[in-house]
Amino acid sequence: MIEDQIASNLSQVRARIQAATERAGRPAGGVALIAVSKKQPASAIRAAYAAGQRAFGESYLQEALDKMAGLADLDIEWHFIGRIQANKTRQIAAHFDWVHGLSDPAHAHRLSEQRPAEAPPLAVCIQVNLSGEASKGGVAPSETAGLLSLCDALPGLRPRGLMTLPAPADDEASQRLPFQALRALRDRLATPERPLDCLSMGMSDDLEAAILEGATQVRIGTAVFGARPYNRGQAGAIATADH
């Protein structure tokens, strides 16, 4: 059954996180798992929730909203990890707890202005493009301080840390380099008032390298859910059946 498979997968991922945390000499419980559920049906999220998972990452807004509606009975912490578009900021601000990948000052203003007054400030991680790849989102390391300062001044946002999506690498030593660079940048920019306690980095293939370099959140999709395609046309039926 898919429920059993997802529970088994989660157990294996948690064991990897624990082993890497111990190897790094870090205290237990310092790394949060974000289960990246984009392109997965609501039933898969419900199965992961039943296995103890609470934080889920989505990248496609309408798909996420459909699933949120069908899973409204669950106490889920929703993370937006996709590219932000200006016409989507109102819904992101209204429905998500975290945003990973903020890199545009205009989006920062919109998210803050559109955050519901009754909601706590939206937790944000600034996406940093360490490699300078044009195909990747994120600000240059030299621009990160300015965007953080802007977020500090926006009442609807709470800057929590930095996020990166490095190019794939074959060996652990190479995988660790960009994560090391992000941690060093965070250390330079953190202040007592804004400790930047979150480093969102590491996925299914490189979570160990990320944890060794200080990751506090790892974003894991394939290792939790497998590569099952999401059928947008079935979203409503799945959500209704699972509710």
Protein backbone atom coordinates (compact mmCIF):
# COMPACT_ATOMS: atom_id res chain seq x y z
CA MET A 1 0.00 0.00 0.00
CA ILE A 2 1.14 3.53 -0.73
CA GLU A 3 0.63 4.50 2.92
CA ASP A 4 3.05 1.81 4.05
CA GLN A 5 5.60 2.77 1.39
CA ILE A 6 5.53 6.45 2.33
CA ALA A 7 5.83 5.61 6.03
CA SER A 8 8.82 3.38 5.25
CA ASN A 9 10.40 6.08 3.08
CA LEU A 10 9.97 8.67 5.83
CA SER A 11 11.57 6.36 8.33
CA GLN A 12 14.58 5.90 6.06
CA VAL A 13 14.93 9.65 5.43
CA ARG A 14 14.70 10.40 9.15
CA ALA A 15 17.40 7.80 9.79
CA ARG A 16 19.64 9.50 7.20
CA ILE A 17 19.04 12.87 8.84
CA GLN A 18 19.84 11.46 12.28
CA ALA A 19 23.00 9.75 11.07
CA ALA A 20 24.24 12.90 9.33
CA THR A 21 23.40 15.02 12.38
CA GLU A 22 25.39 12.68 14.62
CA ARG A 23 28.27 12.64 12.15
CA ALA A 24 28.34 16.43 12.17
CA GLY A 25 28.44 16.45 15.97
CA ARG A 26 25.25 18.47 16.08
CA PRO A 27 22.47 18.08 18.67
CA ALA A 28 19.54 15.84 17.76
CA GLY A 29 16.45 17.57 16.46
CA GLY A 30 18.25 20.47 14.81
CA VAL A 31 17.26 19.58 11.25
CA ALA A 32 13.65 19.90 10.10
CA LEU A 33 12.34 17.76 7.24
CA ILE A 34 10.19 19.50 4.65
CA ALA A 35 8.44 16.88 2.55
CA VAL A 36 8.25 18.32 -0.96
CA SER A 37 4.81 17.23 -2.10
CA LYS A 38 4.53 19.07 -5.41
CA LYS A 39 3.06 16.86 -8.14
CA GLN A 40 1.90 14.40 -5.49
CA PRO A 41 -1.80 13.83 -4.74
CA ALA A 42 -3.46 14.86 -1.52
CA SER A 43 -3.68 11.20 -0.55
CA ALA A 44 0.13 10.99 -0.44
CA ILE A 45 0.30 14.02 1.85
CA ARG A 46 -2.33 12.49 4.09
CA ALA A 47 -0.30 9.27 4.28
CA ALA A 48 2.85 11.19 5.21
CA TYR A 49 0.91 13.15 7.83
CA ALA A 50 -0.31 9.87 9.33
CA ALA A 51 3.36 8.84 9.59
CA GLY A 52 4.15 11.96 11.61
CA GLN A 53 5.19 14.47 8.93
CA ARG A 54 3.85 18.02 9.42
CA ALA A 55 5.80 20.35 7.09
CA PHE A 56 5.14 20.12 3.35
CA GLY A 57 6.59 22.06 0.40
CA GLU A 58 4.68 23.06 -2.71
CA SER A 59 5.84 24.86 -5.85
CA TYR A 60 2.72 25.27 -7.99
CA LEU A 61 0.17 27.61 -6.45
CA GLN A 62 -3.12 26.34 -7.87
CA GLU A 63 -2.14 22.73 -7.27
CA ALA A 64 -1.25 23.63 -3.69
CA LEU A 65 -4.51 25.49 -3.09
CA ASP A 66 -6.51 22.51 -4.35
CA LYS A 67 -4.70 20.22 -1.94
CA MET A 68 -4.99 22.64 0.96
CA ALA A 69 -8.75 22.67 0.52
CA GLY A 70 -8.89 18.88 0.68
CA LEU A 71 -6.56 18.69 3.66
CA ALA A 72 -8.01 21.52 5.73
CA ASP A 73 -8.69 19.14 8.62
CA LEU A 74 -4.95 18.57 9.08
CA ASP A 75 -2.61 20.87 10.99
CA ILE A 76 -0.04 21.26 8.21
CA GLU A 77 2.79 23.78 8.00
CA TRP A 78 2.89 24.84 4.34
CA HIS A 79 6.13 25.97 2.68
CA PHE A 80 6.15 27.65 -0.74
CA ILE A 81 9.36 26.64 -2.50
CA GLY A 82 8.69 27.58 -6.11
CA ARG A 83 9.41 30.64 -8.16
CA ILE A 84 7.30 33.57 -7.06
CA GLN A 85 5.23 35.41 -9.66
CA ALA A 86 3.83 38.87 -8.96
CA ASN A 87 0.26 37.81 -9.71
CA LYS A 88 0.50 34.95 -7.19
CA THR A 89 1.80 36.84 -4.16
CA ARG A 90 -1.62 37.52 -2.60
CA GLN A 91 -2.50 33.83 -2.44
CA ILE A 92 0.98 32.87 -1.26
CA ALA A 93 0.81 35.48 1.50
CA ALA A 94 -2.64 34.28 2.56
CA HIS A 95 -2.11 30.52 2.58
CA PHE A 96 1.53 29.68 3.33
CA ASP A 97 3.53 29.75 6.55
CA TRP A 98 6.97 29.92 4.91
CA VAL A 99 8.45 31.10 1.62
CA HIS A 100 11.75 29.64 0.44
CA GLY A 101 13.16 31.45 -2.51
CA LEU A 102 12.42 35.14 -2.01
CA SER A 103 14.75 37.06 -4.29
CA ASP A 104 12.87 40.12 -5.58
CA PRO A 105 12.33 43.31 -3.56
CA ALA A 106 9.01 43.93 -5.34
CA HIS A 107 7.78 40.50 -4.29
CA ALA A 108 8.89 41.21 -0.72
CA HIS A 109 6.78 44.38 -0.65
CA ARG A 110 3.75 42.60 -2.10
CA LEU A 111 3.98 39.63 0.26
CA SER A 112 4.22 41.93 3.27
CA GLU A 113 1.35 44.17 2.18
CA GLN A 114 -0.87 41.19 1.33
CA ARG A 115 -0.17 39.15 4.47
CA PRO A 116 -3.46 38.94 6.42
CA ALA A 117 -3.44 41.20 9.47
CA GLU A 118 -4.50 38.38 11.77
CA ALA A 119 -1.67 36.09 10.61
CA PRO A 120 1.86 36.14 12.04
CA PRO A 121 4.55 37.61 9.79
CA LEU A 122 5.41 35.34 6.87
CA ALA A 123 8.67 33.46 7.50
CA VAL A 124 10.99 33.94 4.53
CA CYS A 125 14.31 32.54 3.41
CA ILE A 126 16.28 34.56 0.87
CA GLN A 127 17.34 32.45 -2.10
CA VAL A 128 21.00 32.96 -2.94
CA ASN A 129 22.37 32.07 -6.37
CA LEU A 130 25.89 31.03 -5.43
CA SER A 131 26.87 29.73 -8.87
CA GLY A 132 25.61 32.65 -10.94
CA GLU A 133 23.65 30.28 -13.20
CA ALA A 134 21.19 32.28 -15.30
CA SER A 135 18.71 29.40 -15.19
CA LYS A 136 18.54 29.52 -11.39
CA GLY A 137 16.64 32.02 -9.30
CA GLY A 138 18.10 33.90 -6.39
CA VAL A 139 20.08 37.00 -5.58
CA ALA A 140 23.84 37.26 -5.86
CA PRO A 141 25.68 36.91 -2.55
CA SER A 142 26.58 40.60 -2.73
CA GLU A 143 22.88 41.55 -2.93
CA THR A 144 21.71 39.42 -0.03
CA ALA A 145 22.35 41.95 2.73
CA GLY A 146 20.26 44.58 1.00
CA LEU A 147 17.27 42.29 0.55
CA LEU A 148 17.50 41.16 4.16
CA SER A 149 17.51 44.77 5.33
CA LEU A 150 14.42 45.45 3.26
CA CYS A 151 12.65 42.45 4.76
CA ASP A 152 13.57 43.64 8.24
CA ALA A 153 11.62 46.83 7.57
CA LEU A 154 8.49 45.09 6.23
CA PRO A 155 5.99 44.29 8.99
CA GLY A 156 4.41 41.35 7.17
CA LEU A 157 7.68 39.46 6.80
CA ARG A 158 10.08 37.77 9.18
CA PRO A 159 13.43 36.94 7.58
CA ARG A 160 14.54 33.60 8.99
CA GLY A 161 17.54 32.64 6.90
CA LEU A 162 18.99 31.71 3.53
CA MET A 163 18.19 29.08 0.92
CA THR A 164 20.10 27.75 -2.07
CA LEU A 165 19.65 25.25 -4.87
CA PRO A 166 23.13 24.28 -6.05
CA ALA A 167 24.06 22.44 -9.21
CA PRO A 168 24.26 18.64 -8.79
CA ALA A 169 27.64 17.21 -7.81
CA ASP A 170 28.84 13.62 -7.82
CA ASP A 171 30.78 13.39 -4.58
CA GLU A 172 30.19 14.62 -1.07
CA ALA A 173 33.20 16.92 -0.98
CA SER A 174 31.94 18.78 -4.06
CA GLN A 175 28.39 18.82 -2.72
CA ARG A 176 29.56 20.46 0.49
CA LEU A 177 31.21 23.46 -1.16
CA PRO A 178 28.09 25.53 -1.99
CA PHE A 179 26.51 24.66 1.34
CA GLN A 180 29.68 25.78 3.08
CA ALA A 181 29.53 29.05 1.13
CA LEU A 182 25.89 29.65 2.14
CA ARG A 183 26.68 29.00 5.78
CA ALA A 184 29.62 31.41 5.65
CA LEU A 185 27.41 34.08 4.07
CA ARG A 186 24.78 33.55 6.77
CA ASP A 187 27.43 33.86 9.47
CA ARG A 188 28.56 37.19 8.04
CA LEU A 189 25.03 38.60 7.81
CA ALA A 190 23.51 37.33 11.05
CA THR A 191 23.03 39.76 13.93
CA PRO A 192 21.73 39.29 17.47
CA GLU A 193 18.47 40.96 16.40
CA ARG A 194 18.23 38.85 13.24
CA PRO A 195 20.07 35.59 13.90
CA LEU A 196 19.17 33.95 10.58
CA ASP A 197 18.78 30.64 12.33
CA CYS A 198 17.55 28.79 9.24
CA LEU A 199 19.62 27.37 6.41
CA SER A 200 17.28 25.76 3.87
CA MET A 201 19.53 23.51 1.83
CA GLY A 202 19.82 19.87 0.88
CA MET A 203 17.57 17.52 -1.08
CA SER A 204 17.24 13.77 -1.58
CA ASP A 205 20.67 13.28 -3.16
CA ASP A 206 22.75 15.61 -1.01
CA LEU A 207 21.07 15.98 2.37
CA GLU A 208 24.09 14.54 4.20
CA ALA A 209 26.44 17.13 2.72
CA ALA A 210 23.99 19.90 3.60
CA ILE A 211 23.61 18.76 7.20
CA LEU A 212 27.37 18.50 7.61
CA GLU A 213 27.54 22.18 6.63
CA GLY A 214 24.80 23.33 8.96
CA ALA A 215 21.45 22.85 7.20
CA THR A 216 18.50 23.35 9.52
CA GLN A 217 15.85 22.48 6.91
CA VAL A 218 16.18 19.86 4.17
CA ARG A 219 13.69 19.76 1.32
CA ILE A 220 13.05 16.13 0.39
CA GLY A 221 10.64 14.98 -2.31
CA THR A 222 11.69 11.87 -4.23
CA ALA A 223 13.10 10.01 -1.23
CA VAL A 224 9.77 10.48 0.59
CA PHE A 225 7.16 10.14 -2.13
CA GLY A 226 8.94 8.50 -5.05
CA ALA A 227 8.43 9.81 -8.57
CA ARG A 228 4.67 9.36 -8.87
CA PRO A 229 3.22 11.89 -11.35
CA TYR A 230 0.55 14.25 -10.18
CA ASN A 231 -2.66 14.20 -12.21
CA ARG A 232 -4.05 17.72 -12.02
CA GLY A 233 -7.39 16.55 -13.35
CA GLN A 234 -7.83 14.21 -10.40
CA ALA A 235 -6.92 16.78 -7.73
CA GLY A 236 -10.47 17.60 -6.78
CA ALA A 237 -11.60 13.99 -6.69
CA ILE A 238 -8.62 12.95 -4.58
CA ALA A 239 -9.02 15.86 -2.21
CA THR A 240 -12.73 15.23 -1.77
CA ALA A 241 -12.25 11.52 -1.19
CA ASP A 242 -9.53 12.13 1.39
CA HIS A 243 -11.22 14.92 3.29
